[in-house]
Amino acid sequence: MGRNLLMNLNFILVSLCLSGCATQSLANPSNFKPCQADKPRQEARSKELQEIVKADQDDREDFFKKTSEELQEMAHRDVERRKRVREIFGEGFFLKAEDFAFI
């Protein structure tokens, strides 16, 4: 088990190193702008991550009182939230400690 954990951590580190923290138009590479330089977009993504966390926690209110249909709907929303978090991560906008707080 320890070896699998180490392999997963290595994969994450390599992924982080290879992920492009930039916004760039393929048609016009001169538009290259690193995430750290795109403050408005970074702040928007950070706010969006906080909203995703809140929505996730709100979904779990009265968890044990939920019907099986409500749990299925919640699971579907979970998938959508995870997908969006992966997109934001892929854009390279996990920059502040708060962005990593609940992943």
PDB file of N, CA and C in Angstrom:
ATOM      1  N   MET A   1       0.819  -1.185   0.000  1.00  0.00           N
ATOM      2  CA  MET A   1       0.000   0.000   0.000  1.00  0.00           C
ATOM      3  C   MET A   1       0.866   1.253   0.000  1.00  0.00           C
ATOM      4  N   GLY A   2       1.950   1.271   0.720  1.00  0.00           N
ATOM      5  CA  GLY A   2       2.839   2.407   0.766  1.00  0.00           C
ATOM      6  C   GLY A   2       3.405   2.747  -0.599  1.00  0.00           C
ATOM      7  N   ARG A   3       3.714   1.713  -1.375  1.00  0.00           N
ATOM      8  CA  ARG A   3       4.266   1.951  -2.708  1.00  0.00           C
ATOM      9  C   ARG A   3       3.231   2.606  -3.617  1.00  0.00           C
ATOM     10  N   ASN A   4       1.964   2.158  -3.529  1.00  0.00           N
ATOM     11  CA  ASN A   4       0.905   2.774  -4.338  1.00  0.00           C
ATOM     12  C   ASN A   4       0.721   4.236  -3.973  1.00  0.00           C
ATOM     13  N   LEU A   5       0.766   4.544  -2.686  1.00  0.00           N
ATOM     14  CA  LEU A   5       0.637   5.921  -2.251  1.00  0.00           C
ATOM     15  C   LEU A   5       1.771   6.765  -2.802  1.00  0.00           C
ATOM     16  N   LEU A   6       2.981   6.246  -2.747  1.00  0.00           N
ATOM     17  CA  LEU A   6       4.142   6.960  -3.267  1.00  0.00           C
ATOM     18  C   LEU A   6       4.009   7.175  -4.770  1.00  0.00           C
ATOM     19  N   MET A   7       3.541   6.174  -5.485  1.00  0.00           N
ATOM     20  CA  MET A   7       3.355   6.306  -6.931  1.00  0.00           C
ATOM     21  C   MET A   7       2.295   7.361  -7.233  1.00  0.00           C
ATOM     22  N   ASN A   8       1.207   7.375  -6.451  1.00  0.00           N
ATOM     23  CA  ASN A   8       0.162   8.379  -6.659  1.00  0.00           C
ATOM     24  C   ASN A   8       0.690   9.777  -6.401  1.00  0.00           C
ATOM     25  N   LEU A   9       1.471   9.937  -5.347  1.00  0.00           N
ATOM     26  CA  LEU A   9       2.038  11.248  -5.036  1.00  0.00           C
ATOM     27  C   LEU A   9       2.985  11.707  -6.143  1.00  0.00           C
ATOM     28  N   ASN A  10       3.799  10.779  -6.640  1.00  0.00           N
ATOM     29  CA  ASN A  10       4.709  11.115  -7.738  1.00  0.00           C
ATOM     30  C   ASN A  10       3.925  11.539  -8.977  1.00  0.00           C
ATOM     31  N   PHE A  11       2.838  10.820  -9.266  1.00  0.00           N
ATOM     32  CA  PHE A  11       2.000  11.165 -10.413  1.00  0.00           C
ATOM     33  C   PHE A  11       1.432  12.569 -10.256  1.00  0.00           C
ATOM     34  N   ILE A  12       0.957  12.888  -9.065  1.00  0.00           N
ATOM     35  CA  ILE A  12       0.393  14.212  -8.810  1.00  0.00           C
ATOM     36  C   ILE A  12       1.461  15.282  -8.987  1.00  0.00           C
ATOM     37  N   LEU A  13       2.649  15.037  -8.443  1.00  0.00           N
ATOM     38  CA  LEU A  13       3.726  16.021  -8.577  1.00  0.00           C
ATOM     39  C   LEU A  13       4.108  16.243 -10.035  1.00  0.00           C
ATOM     40  N   VAL A  14       4.228  15.161 -10.783  1.00  0.00           N
ATOM     41  CA  VAL A  14       4.572  15.282 -12.200  1.00  0.00           C
ATOM     42  C   VAL A  14       3.465  16.018 -12.934  1.00  0.00           C
ATOM     43  N   SER A  15       2.208  15.698 -12.613  1.00  0.00           N
ATOM     44  CA  SER A  15       1.079  16.372 -13.257  1.00  0.00           C
ATOM     45  C   SER A  15       1.102  17.860 -12.970  1.00  0.00           C
ATOM     46  N   LEU A  16       1.412  18.209 -11.731  1.00  0.00           N
ATOM     47  CA  LEU A  16       1.479  19.622 -11.375  1.00  0.00           C
ATOM     48  C   LEU A  16       2.583  20.329 -12.150  1.00  0.00           C
ATOM     49  N   CYS A  17       3.705  19.667 -12.282  1.00  0.00           N
ATOM     50  CA  CYS A  17       4.822  20.278 -12.994  1.00  0.00           C
ATOM     51  C   CYS A  17       4.519  20.449 -14.472  1.00  0.00           C
ATOM     52  N   LEU A  18       3.777  19.512 -15.027  1.00  0.00           N
ATOM     53  CA  LEU A  18       3.496  19.561 -16.453  1.00  0.00           C
ATOM     54  C   LEU A  18       2.266  20.379 -16.795  1.00  0.00           C
ATOM     55  N   SER A  19       1.414  20.640 -15.803  1.00  0.00           N
ATOM     56  CA  SER A  19       0.209  21.403 -16.101  1.00  0.00           C
ATOM     57  C   SER A  19       0.603  22.840 -16.387  1.00  0.00           C
ATOM     58  N   GLY A  20       0.025  23.380 -17.424  1.00  0.00           N
ATOM     59  CA  GLY A  20       0.375  24.746 -17.813  1.00  0.00           C
ATOM     60  C   GLY A  20      -0.410  25.757 -17.014  1.00  0.00           C
ATOM     61  N   CYS A  21       0.272  26.512 -16.222  1.00  0.00           N
ATOM     62  CA  CYS A  21      -0.370  27.582 -15.471  1.00  0.00           C
ATOM     63  C   CYS A  21      -0.372  28.815 -16.349  1.00  0.00           C
ATOM     64  N   ALA A  22      -1.173  28.769 -17.395  1.00  0.00           N
ATOM     65  CA  ALA A  22      -1.197  29.902 -18.307  1.00  0.00           C
ATOM     66  C   ALA A  22      -2.455  29.878 -19.139  1.00  0.00           C
ATOM     67  N   THR A  23      -2.810  31.035 -19.589  1.00  0.00           N
ATOM     68  CA  THR A  23      -3.856  31.146 -20.591  1.00  0.00           C
ATOM     69  C   THR A  23      -3.155  31.527 -21.876  1.00  0.00           C
ATOM     70  N   GLN A  24      -3.452  30.785 -22.903  1.00  0.00           N
ATOM     71  CA  GLN A  24      -2.736  31.011 -24.155  1.00  0.00           C
ATOM     72  C   GLN A  24      -3.641  30.653 -25.311  1.00  0.00           C
ATOM     73  N   SER A  25      -3.646  31.480 -26.292  1.00  0.00           N
ATOM     74  CA  SER A  25      -4.374  31.190 -27.504  1.00  0.00           C
ATOM     75  C   SER A  25      -3.450  30.415 -28.430  1.00  0.00           C
ATOM     76  N   LEU A  26      -3.932  29.276 -28.906  1.00  0.00           N
ATOM     77  CA  LEU A  26      -3.106  28.499 -29.832  1.00  0.00           C
ATOM     78  C   LEU A  26      -2.931  29.246 -31.145  1.00  0.00           C
ATOM     79  N   ALA A  27      -3.906  30.043 -31.498  1.00  0.00           N
ATOM     80  CA  ALA A  27      -3.811  30.787 -32.744  1.00  0.00           C
ATOM     81  C   ALA A  27      -2.832  31.947 -32.629  1.00  0.00           C
ATOM     82  N   ASN A  28      -2.660  32.459 -31.409  1.00  0.00           N
ATOM     83  CA  ASN A  28      -1.787  33.612 -31.216  1.00  0.00           C
ATOM     84  C   ASN A  28      -0.962  33.424 -29.940  1.00  0.00           C
ATOM     85  N   PRO A  29       0.179  32.725 -30.034  1.00  0.00           N
ATOM     86  CA  PRO A  29       0.998  32.462 -28.848  1.00  0.00           C
ATOM     87  C   PRO A  29       1.521  33.718 -28.165  1.00  0.00           C
ATOM     88  N   SER A  30       1.469  34.851 -28.827  1.00  0.00           N
ATOM     89  CA  SER A  30       1.948  36.075 -28.181  1.00  0.00           C
ATOM     90  C   SER A  30       0.999  36.534 -27.076  1.00  0.00           C
ATOM     91  N   ASN A  31      -0.180  35.914 -26.987  1.00  0.00           N
ATOM     92  CA  ASN A  31      -1.149  36.242 -25.931  1.00  0.00           C
ATOM     93  C   ASN A  31      -0.867  35.484 -24.642  1.00  0.00           C
ATOM     94  N   PHE A  32       0.266  34.802 -24.566  1.00  0.00           N
ATOM     95  CA  PHE A  32       0.610  34.013 -23.385  1.00  0.00           C
ATOM     96  C   PHE A  32       0.551  34.884 -22.134  1.00  0.00           C
ATOM     97  N   LYS A  33      -0.167  34.396 -21.106  1.00  0.00           N
ATOM     98  CA  LYS A  33      -0.287  35.143 -19.863  1.00  0.00           C
ATOM     99  C   LYS A  33      -0.308  34.132 -18.709  1.00  0.00           C
ATOM    100  N   PRO A  34       0.721  34.125 -17.863  1.00  0.00           N
ATOM    101  CA  PRO A  34       0.727  33.179 -16.751  1.00  0.00           C
ATOM    102  C   PRO A  34      -0.402  33.475 -15.778  1.00  0.00           C
ATOM    103  N   CYS A  35      -0.859  32.426 -15.090  1.00  0.00           N
ATOM    104  CA  CYS A  35      -1.968  32.564 -14.143  1.00  0.00           C
ATOM    105  C   CYS A  35      -1.711  33.644 -13.113  1.00  0.00           C
ATOM    106  N   GLN A  36      -0.499  33.694 -12.613  1.00  0.00           N
ATOM    107  CA  GLN A  36      -0.175  34.673 -11.576  1.00  0.00           C
ATOM    108  C   GLN A  36      -0.376  36.095 -12.081  1.00  0.00           C
ATOM    109  N   ALA A  37      -0.284  36.307 -13.394  1.00  0.00           N
ATOM    110  CA  ALA A  37      -0.440  37.639 -13.975  1.00  0.00           C
ATOM    111  C   ALA A  37      -1.890  37.938 -14.343  1.00  0.00           C
ATOM    112  N   ASP A  38      -2.754  36.944 -14.277  1.00  0.00           N
ATOM    113  CA  ASP A  38      -4.163  37.114 -14.640  1.00  0.00           C
ATOM    114  C   ASP A  38      -5.000  37.144 -13.363  1.00  0.00           C
ATOM    115  N   LYS A  39      -4.796  38.185 -12.563  1.00  0.00           N
ATOM    116  CA  LYS A  39      -5.434  38.290 -11.245  1.00  0.00           C
ATOM    117  C   LYS A  39      -6.962  38.230 -11.291  1.00  0.00           C
ATOM    118  N   PRO A  40      -7.627  38.950 -12.200  1.00  0.00           N
ATOM    119  CA  PRO A  40      -9.093  38.889 -12.201  1.00  0.00           C
ATOM    120  C   PRO A  40      -9.626  37.469 -12.431  1.00  0.00           C
ATOM    121  N   ARG A  41      -9.014  36.774 -13.372  1.00  0.00           N
ATOM    122  CA  ARG A  41      -9.461  35.404 -13.655  1.00  0.00           C
ATOM    123  C   ARG A  41      -9.116  34.476 -12.497  1.00  0.00           C
ATOM    124  N   GLN A  42      -7.948  34.662 -11.885  1.00  0.00           N
ATOM    125  CA  GLN A  42      -7.559  33.832 -10.746  1.00  0.00           C
ATOM    126  C   GLN A  42      -8.523  34.058  -9.587  1.00  0.00           C
ATOM    127  N   GLU A  43      -8.879  35.304  -9.315  1.00  0.00           N
ATOM    128  CA  GLU A  43      -9.815  35.606  -8.228  1.00  0.00           C
ATOM    129  C   GLU A  43     -11.190  34.999  -8.516  1.00  0.00           C
ATOM    130  N   ALA A  44     -11.618  35.064  -9.771  1.00  0.00           N
ATOM    131  CA  ALA A  44     -12.913  34.476 -10.147  1.00  0.00           C
ATOM    132  C   ALA A  44     -12.898  32.966  -9.927  1.00  0.00           C
ATOM    133  N   ARG A  45     -11.790  32.318 -10.312  1.00  0.00           N
ATOM    134  CA  ARG A  45     -11.704  30.868 -10.125  1.00  0.00           C
ATOM    135  C   ARG A  45     -11.666  30.512  -8.635  1.00  0.00           C
ATOM    136  N   SER A  46     -10.952  31.293  -7.851  1.00  0.00           N
ATOM    137  CA  SER A  46     -10.869  31.051  -6.420  1.00  0.00           C
ATOM    138  C   SER A  46     -12.256  31.184  -5.780  1.00  0.00           C
ATOM    139  N   LYS A  47     -12.986  32.210  -6.184  1.00  0.00           N
ATOM    140  CA  LYS A  47     -14.352  32.406  -5.678  1.00  0.00           C
ATOM    141  C   LYS A  47     -15.241  31.245  -6.101  1.00  0.00           C
ATOM    142  N   GLU A  48     -15.094  30.808  -7.337  1.00  0.00           N
ATOM    143  CA  GLU A  48     -15.889  29.686  -7.835  1.00  0.00           C
ATOM    144  C   GLU A  48     -15.606  28.418  -7.026  1.00  0.00           C
ATOM    145  N   LEU A  49     -14.337  28.180  -6.700  1.00  0.00           N
ATOM    146  CA  LEU A  49     -13.996  27.014  -5.881  1.00  0.00           C
ATOM    147  C   LEU A  49     -14.668  27.088  -4.514  1.00  0.00           C
ATOM    148  N   GLN A  50     -14.682  28.267  -3.911  1.00  0.00           N
ATOM    149  CA  GLN A  50     -15.347  28.436  -2.618  1.00  0.00           C
ATOM    150  C   GLN A  50     -16.844  28.166  -2.738  1.00  0.00           C
ATOM    151  N   GLU A  51     -17.454  28.607  -3.834  1.00  0.00           N
ATOM    152  CA  GLU A  51     -18.873  28.370  -4.064  1.00  0.00           C
ATOM    153  C   GLU A  51     -19.155  26.876  -4.267  1.00  0.00           C
ATOM    154  N   ILE A  52     -18.248  26.196  -4.935  1.00  0.00           N
ATOM    155  CA  ILE A  52     -18.403  24.753  -5.147  1.00  0.00           C
ATOM    156  C   ILE A  52     -18.368  24.024  -3.808  1.00  0.00           C
ATOM    157  N   VAL A  53     -17.441  24.406  -2.944  1.00  0.00           N
ATOM    158  CA  VAL A  53     -17.339  23.780  -1.620  1.00  0.00           C
ATOM    159  C   VAL A  53     -18.607  24.032  -0.822  1.00  0.00           C
ATOM    160  N   LYS A  54     -19.110  25.259  -0.863  1.00  0.00           N
ATOM    161  CA  LYS A  54     -20.330  25.585  -0.124  1.00  0.00           C
ATOM    162  C   LYS A  54     -21.510  24.768  -0.645  1.00  0.00           C
ATOM    163  N   ALA A  55     -21.656  24.697  -1.963  1.00  0.00           N
ATOM    164  CA  ALA A  55     -22.744  23.914  -2.560  1.00  0.00           C
ATOM    165  C   ALA A  55     -22.645  22.444  -2.155  1.00  0.00           C
ATOM    166  N   ASP A  56     -21.424  21.929  -2.132  1.00  0.00           N
ATOM    167  CA  ASP A  56     -21.198  20.540  -1.732  1.00  0.00           C
ATOM    168  C   ASP A  56     -21.648  20.313  -0.287  1.00  0.00           C
ATOM    169  N   GLN A  57     -21.268  21.217   0.605  1.00  0.00           N
ATOM    170  CA  GLN A  57     -21.633  21.070   2.009  1.00  0.00           C
ATOM    171  C   GLN A  57     -23.132  21.295   2.223  1.00  0.00           C
ATOM    172  N   ASP A  58     -23.715  22.236   1.497  1.00  0.00           N
ATOM    173  CA  ASP A  58     -25.154  22.470   1.592  1.00  0.00           C
ATOM    174  C   ASP A  58     -25.935  21.242   1.142  1.00  0.00           C
ATOM    175  N   ASP A  59     -25.419  20.565   0.119  1.00  0.00           N
ATOM    176  CA  ASP A  59     -26.056  19.341  -0.383  1.00  0.00           C
ATOM    177  C   ASP A  59     -26.136  18.262   0.696  1.00  0.00           C
ATOM    178  N   ARG A  60     -25.209  18.274   1.620  1.00  0.00           N
ATOM    179  CA  ARG A  60     -25.123  17.227   2.633  1.00  0.00           C
ATOM    180  C   ARG A  60     -25.874  17.556   3.927  1.00  0.00           C
ATOM    181  N   GLU A  61     -26.566  18.697   3.915  1.00  0.00           N
ATOM    182  CA  GLU A  61     -27.367  19.062   5.072  1.00  0.00           C
ATOM    183  C   GLU A  61     -28.487  18.027   5.234  1.00  0.00           C
ATOM    184  N   ASP A  62     -28.698  17.577   6.453  1.00  0.00           N
ATOM    185  CA  ASP A  62     -29.690  16.526   6.761  1.00  0.00           C
ATOM    186  C   ASP A  62     -29.462  15.277   5.911  1.00  0.00           C
ATOM    187  N   PHE A  63     -28.216  14.900   5.772  1.00  0.00           N
ATOM    188  CA  PHE A  63     -27.821  13.787   4.904  1.00  0.00           C
ATOM    189  C   PHE A  63     -28.600  12.508   5.197  1.00  0.00           C
ATOM    190  N   PHE A  64     -28.752  12.168   6.467  1.00  0.00           N
ATOM    191  CA  PHE A  64     -29.373  10.889   6.826  1.00  0.00           C
ATOM    192  C   PHE A  64     -30.891  10.911   6.684  1.00  0.00           C
ATOM    193  N   LYS A  65     -31.457  12.052   6.365  1.00  0.00           N
ATOM    194  CA  LYS A  65     -32.897  12.153   6.130  1.00  0.00           C
ATOM    195  C   LYS A  65     -33.240  12.117   4.647  1.00  0.00           C
ATOM    196  N   LYS A  66     -32.229  12.069   3.807  1.00  0.00           N
ATOM    197  CA  LYS A  66     -32.456  12.114   2.358  1.00  0.00           C
ATOM    198  C   LYS A  66     -32.973  10.775   1.844  1.00  0.00           C
ATOM    199  N   THR A  67     -33.860  10.856   0.856  1.00  0.00           N
ATOM    200  CA  THR A  67     -34.374   9.648   0.203  1.00  0.00           C
ATOM    201  C   THR A  67     -33.311   9.138  -0.769  1.00  0.00           C
ATOM    202  N   SER A  68     -33.499   7.946  -1.264  1.00  0.00           N
ATOM    203  CA  SER A  68     -32.541   7.392  -2.219  1.00  0.00           C
ATOM    204  C   SER A  68     -32.519   8.215  -3.503  1.00  0.00           C
ATOM    205  N   GLU A  69     -33.669   8.777  -3.907  1.00  0.00           N
ATOM    206  CA  GLU A  69     -33.703   9.630  -5.094  1.00  0.00           C
ATOM    207  C   GLU A  69     -32.895  10.910  -4.858  1.00  0.00           C
ATOM    208  N   GLU A  70     -33.037  11.488  -3.674  1.00  0.00           N
ATOM    209  CA  GLU A  70     -32.272  12.699  -3.351  1.00  0.00           C
ATOM    210  C   GLU A  70     -30.776  12.400  -3.315  1.00  0.00           C
ATOM    211  N   LEU A  71     -30.413  11.234  -2.809  1.00  0.00           N
ATOM    212  CA  LEU A  71     -28.998  10.851  -2.768  1.00  0.00           C
ATOM    213  C   LEU A  71     -28.446  10.656  -4.174  1.00  0.00           C
ATOM    214  N   GLN A  72     -29.273  10.098  -5.071  1.00  0.00           N
ATOM    215  CA  GLN A  72     -28.839   9.931  -6.460  1.00  0.00           C
ATOM    216  C   GLN A  72     -28.635  11.286  -7.130  1.00  0.00           C
ATOM    217  N   GLU A  73     -29.543  12.219  -6.883  1.00  0.00           N
ATOM    218  CA  GLU A  73     -29.408  13.563  -7.436  1.00  0.00           C
ATOM    219  C   GLU A  73     -28.149  14.237  -6.891  1.00  0.00           C
ATOM    220  N   MET A  74     -27.891  14.052  -5.592  1.00  0.00           N
ATOM    221  CA  MET A  74     -26.702  14.625  -4.976  1.00  0.00           C
ATOM    222  C   MET A  74     -25.447  14.027  -5.608  1.00  0.00           C
ATOM    223  N   ALA A  75     -25.463  12.727  -5.850  1.00  0.00           N
ATOM    224  CA  ALA A  75     -24.307  12.072  -6.472  1.00  0.00           C
ATOM    225  C   ALA A  75     -24.054  12.647  -7.864  1.00  0.00           C
ATOM    226  N   HIS A  76     -25.122  12.924  -8.598  1.00  0.00           N
ATOM    227  CA  HIS A  76     -24.965  13.530  -9.928  1.00  0.00           C
ATOM    228  C   HIS A  76     -24.338  14.927  -9.813  1.00  0.00           C
ATOM    229  N   ARG A  77     -24.800  15.718  -8.850  1.00  0.00           N
ATOM    230  CA  ARG A  77     -24.225  17.053  -8.654  1.00  0.00           C
ATOM    231  C   ARG A  77     -22.762  16.941  -8.213  1.00  0.00           C
ATOM    232  N   ASP A  78     -22.441  15.917  -7.420  1.00  0.00           N
ATOM    233  CA  ASP A  78     -21.049  15.683  -7.013  1.00  0.00           C
ATOM    234  C   ASP A  78     -20.155  15.477  -8.227  1.00  0.00           C
ATOM    235  N   VAL A  79     -20.632  14.676  -9.175  1.00  0.00           N
ATOM    236  CA  VAL A  79     -19.857  14.411 -10.391  1.00  0.00           C
ATOM    237  C   VAL A  79     -19.616  15.714 -11.147  1.00  0.00           C
ATOM    238  N   GLU A  80     -20.648  16.540 -11.269  1.00  0.00           N
ATOM    239  CA  GLU A  80     -20.504  17.818 -11.975  1.00  0.00           C
ATOM    240  C   GLU A  80     -19.530  18.745 -11.247  1.00  0.00           C
ATOM    241  N   ARG A  81     -19.604  18.773  -9.915  1.00  0.00           N
ATOM    242  CA  ARG A  81     -18.688  19.623  -9.156  1.00  0.00           C
ATOM    243  C   ARG A  81     -17.247  19.136  -9.305  1.00  0.00           C
ATOM    244  N   ARG A  82     -17.028  17.825  -9.219  1.00  0.00           N
ATOM    245  CA  ARG A  82     -15.664  17.297  -9.380  1.00  0.00           C
ATOM    246  C   ARG A  82     -15.120  17.618 -10.764  1.00  0.00           C
ATOM    247  N   LYS A  83     -15.988  17.511 -11.763  1.00  0.00           N
ATOM    248  CA  LYS A  83     -15.563  17.821 -13.133  1.00  0.00           C
ATOM    249  C   LYS A  83     -15.097  19.273 -13.220  1.00  0.00           C
ATOM    250  N   ARG A  84     -15.853  20.188 -12.633  1.00  0.00           N
ATOM    251  CA  ARG A  84     -15.491  21.605 -12.702  1.00  0.00           C
ATOM    252  C   ARG A  84     -14.207  21.892 -11.940  1.00  0.00           C
ATOM    253  N   VAL A  85     -14.034  21.248 -10.784  1.00  0.00           N
ATOM    254  CA  VAL A  85     -12.792  21.436 -10.015  1.00  0.00           C
ATOM    255  C   VAL A  85     -11.601  20.953 -10.830  1.00  0.00           C
ATOM    256  N   ARG A  86     -11.743  19.817 -11.519  1.00  0.00           N
ATOM    257  CA  ARG A  86     -10.648  19.325 -12.370  1.00  0.00           C
ATOM    258  C   ARG A  86     -10.335  20.314 -13.488  1.00  0.00           C
ATOM    259  N   GLU A  87     -11.371  20.938 -14.054  1.00  0.00           N
ATOM    260  CA  GLU A  87     -11.141  21.919 -15.114  1.00  0.00           C
ATOM    261  C   GLU A  87     -10.360  23.121 -14.591  1.00  0.00           C
ATOM    262  N   ILE A  88     -10.758  23.615 -13.426  1.00  0.00           N
ATOM    263  CA  ILE A  88     -10.068  24.761 -12.838  1.00  0.00           C
ATOM    264  C   ILE A  88      -8.623  24.387 -12.517  1.00  0.00           C
ATOM    265  N   PHE A  89      -8.423  23.182 -11.980  1.00  0.00           N
ATOM    266  CA  PHE A  89      -7.071  22.711 -11.686  1.00  0.00           C
ATOM    267  C   PHE A  89      -6.259  22.623 -12.969  1.00  0.00           C
ATOM    268  N   GLY A  90      -6.870  22.103 -14.015  1.00  0.00           N
ATOM    269  CA  GLY A  90      -6.190  21.972 -15.300  1.00  0.00           C
ATOM    270  C   GLY A  90      -5.797  23.305 -15.904  1.00  0.00           C
ATOM    271  N   GLU A  91      -6.574  24.334 -15.606  1.00  0.00           N
ATOM    272  CA  GLU A  91      -6.234  25.673 -16.088  1.00  0.00           C
ATOM    273  C   GLU A  91      -5.051  26.258 -15.329  1.00  0.00           C
ATOM    274  N   GLY A  92      -4.727  25.645 -14.198  1.00  0.00           N
ATOM    275  CA  GLY A  92      -3.603  26.120 -13.404  1.00  0.00           C
ATOM    276  C   GLY A  92      -3.960  27.204 -12.422  1.00  0.00           C
ATOM    277  N   PHE A  93      -5.216  27.269 -12.031  1.00  0.00           N
ATOM    278  CA  PHE A  93      -5.646  28.350 -11.156  1.00  0.00           C
ATOM    279  C   PHE A  93      -5.759  27.959  -9.691  1.00  0.00           C
ATOM    280  N   PHE A  94      -5.116  26.919  -9.277  1.00  0.00           N
ATOM    281  CA  PHE A  94      -5.011  26.616  -7.856  1.00  0.00           C
ATOM    282  C   PHE A  94      -3.746  27.312  -7.375  1.00  0.00           C
ATOM    283  N   LEU A  95      -3.886  28.526  -6.870  1.00  0.00           N
ATOM    284  CA  LEU A  95      -2.715  29.312  -6.507  1.00  0.00           C
ATOM    285  C   LEU A  95      -2.648  29.649  -5.028  1.00  0.00           C
ATOM    286  N   LYS A  96      -3.800  29.861  -4.401  1.00  0.00           N
ATOM    287  CA  LYS A  96      -3.824  30.250  -2.992  1.00  0.00           C
ATOM    288  C   LYS A  96      -4.099  29.033  -2.130  1.00  0.00           C
ATOM    289  N   ALA A  97      -3.691  29.092  -0.890  1.00  0.00           N
ATOM    290  CA  ALA A  97      -3.914  27.984   0.040  1.00  0.00           C
ATOM    291  C   ALA A  97      -5.394  27.634   0.128  1.00  0.00           C
ATOM    292  N   GLU A  98      -6.249  28.641   0.091  1.00  0.00           N
ATOM    293  CA  GLU A  98      -7.690  28.399   0.190  1.00  0.00           C
ATOM    294  C   GLU A  98      -8.206  27.555  -0.976  1.00  0.00           C
ATOM    295  N   ASP A  99      -7.552  27.653  -2.114  1.00  0.00           N
ATOM    296  CA  ASP A  99      -7.976  26.881  -3.286  1.00  0.00           C
ATOM    297  C   ASP A  99      -7.787  25.383  -3.065  1.00  0.00           C
ATOM    298  N   PHE A 100      -6.831  25.027  -2.210  1.00  0.00           N
ATOM    299  CA  PHE A 100      -6.528  23.625  -1.933  1.00  0.00           C
ATOM    300  C   PHE A 100      -7.240  23.108  -0.678  1.00  0.00           C
ATOM    301  N   ALA A 101      -7.949  23.966   0.008  1.00  0.00           N
ATOM    302  CA  ALA A 101      -8.449  23.659   1.356  1.00  0.00           C
ATOM    303  C   ALA A 101      -9.314  22.404   1.425  1.00  0.00           C
ATOM    304  N   PHE A 102     -10.133  22.156   0.435  1.00  0.00           N
ATOM    305  CA  PHE A 102     -11.092  21.067   0.575  1.00  0.00           C
ATOM    306  C   PHE A 102     -10.971  20.002  -0.501  1.00  0.00           C
ATOM    307  N   ILE A 103      -9.817  19.923  -1.161  1.00  0.00           N
ATOM    308  CA  ILE A 103      -9.684  18.871  -2.171  1.00  0.00           C
ATOM    309  C   ILE A 103      -9.043  17.654  -1.584  1.00  0.00           C
TER     310      ILE A 103
END
